[in-house]
Amino acid sequence: MKWISVKDRLPKRPPNRIDENGRKWLTVSDSFIVTDTEGRVFEAVYDYYSKSFWYGNSLNEIKVVAYMPLPKPYKPKEEGKRK
C-alpha cells in the first residue's frame, strides 16, 4: 500500500450496502491509517459528509496530510493446502 496525499485526492465513499433483508445501508465513514501535519501515524476515521478525518471518539478534527487504507485482515492458511 502507498500513502495518498490529501492534496491529490480524498477517500471516495463506497457504494451502499444491501443487507440480507434487502435494506440499503449508507456508508458514512471508514477507517484509514493517516499521517498528520506533525508526522504522527495512527488510525483515524474519515467522515464522507464533512470530508474530514477524526481520531477515535474525540471531537477533534485531525489535520491529515496523507492516508492509506487499512490492510486486509490476516487469514491463516488452511491445513493441507499449499501455494
Protein backbone atom coordinates (compact mmCIF):
# COMPACT_ATOMS: atom_id res chain seq x y z
CA MET A 1 0.00 0.00 0.00
CA LYS A 2 1.12 3.53 -0.71
CA TRP A 3 0.40 6.81 1.01
CA ILE A 4 -2.14 9.03 -0.78
CA SER A 5 -1.74 12.78 -0.36
CA VAL A 6 -4.94 14.61 0.58
CA LYS A 7 -3.84 17.22 -1.98
CA ASP A 8 -4.16 14.53 -4.68
CA ARG A 9 -7.50 13.08 -3.59
CA LEU A 10 -9.75 12.32 -0.66
CA PRO A 11 -11.31 8.91 0.04
CA LYS A 12 -14.31 8.03 -2.13
CA ARG A 13 -17.47 6.79 -0.44
CA PRO A 14 -18.12 3.14 -1.32
CA PRO A 15 -21.49 2.10 -2.73
CA ASN A 16 -24.39 1.49 -0.36
CA ARG A 17 -24.56 -1.97 1.18
CA ILE A 18 -27.69 -4.12 0.93
CA ASP A 19 -28.28 -6.42 3.91
CA GLU A 20 -29.92 -9.87 3.89
CA ASN A 21 -33.36 -8.24 4.34
CA GLY A 22 -32.92 -6.02 1.29
CA ARG A 23 -32.39 -2.84 3.35
CA LYS A 24 -29.95 -0.28 1.99
CA TRP A 25 -27.17 0.89 4.34
CA LEU A 26 -25.26 4.07 3.64
CA THR A 27 -21.55 4.07 4.45
CA VAL A 28 -20.90 7.32 6.32
CA SER A 29 -17.31 6.71 7.44
CA ASP A 30 -14.32 4.40 7.09
CA SER A 31 -11.07 3.88 8.96
CA PHE A 32 -7.67 4.69 7.47
CA ILE A 33 -4.04 4.87 8.51
CA VAL A 34 -3.10 8.56 8.47
CA THR A 35 -0.13 10.86 8.87
CA ASP A 36 -0.83 14.29 10.35
CA THR A 37 0.96 17.62 9.97
CA GLU A 38 3.18 16.76 12.96
CA GLY A 39 4.41 13.49 11.39
CA ARG A 40 2.42 11.17 13.66
CA VAL A 41 0.95 7.96 12.21
CA PHE A 42 -2.26 6.44 13.58
CA GLU A 43 -5.69 5.08 12.67
CA ALA A 44 -8.41 7.64 12.06
CA VAL A 45 -11.96 7.76 10.74
CA TYR A 46 -12.84 9.67 7.56
CA ASP A 47 -16.35 11.15 7.55
CA TYR A 48 -17.72 11.29 3.99
CA TYR A 49 -20.21 14.05 4.82
CA SER A 50 -17.88 16.56 6.48
CA LYS A 51 -14.95 15.39 4.30
CA SER A 52 -12.65 15.34 7.31
CA PHE A 53 -10.61 12.92 9.42
CA TRP A 54 -11.33 12.32 13.11
CA TYR A 55 -9.35 10.45 15.75
CA GLY A 56 -11.17 7.76 17.74
CA ASN A 57 -14.03 9.12 19.82
CA SER A 58 -12.53 12.60 20.12
CA LEU A 59 -14.30 15.66 18.85
CA ASN A 60 -11.08 16.99 17.36
CA GLU A 61 -10.64 17.11 13.62
CA ILE A 62 -7.18 16.00 12.51
CA LYS A 63 -5.02 17.89 10.01
CA VAL A 64 -4.10 14.93 7.80
CA VAL A 65 -1.51 15.21 5.03
CA ALA A 66 -1.71 11.62 3.72
CA TYR A 67 -3.68 8.42 4.25
CA MET A 68 -3.82 4.78 3.19
CA PRO A 69 -6.46 2.05 3.51
CA LEU A 70 -6.23 -0.41 6.37
CA PRO A 71 -4.68 -3.75 5.42
CA LYS A 72 -6.92 -6.77 4.91
CA PRO A 73 -7.31 -8.97 7.99
CA TYR A 74 -4.93 -11.89 8.44
CA LYS A 75 -6.33 -15.24 7.33
CA PRO A 76 -4.46 -18.37 8.38
CA LYS A 77 -3.70 -20.92 5.71
CA GLU A 78 -5.99 -23.91 5.59
CA GLU A 79 -4.30 -27.11 6.74
CA GLY A 80 -3.15 -29.34 3.93
CA LYS A 81 -3.17 -26.59 1.29
CA ARG A 82 -0.04 -25.09 -0.19
CA LYS A 83 0.50 -22.22 -2.58
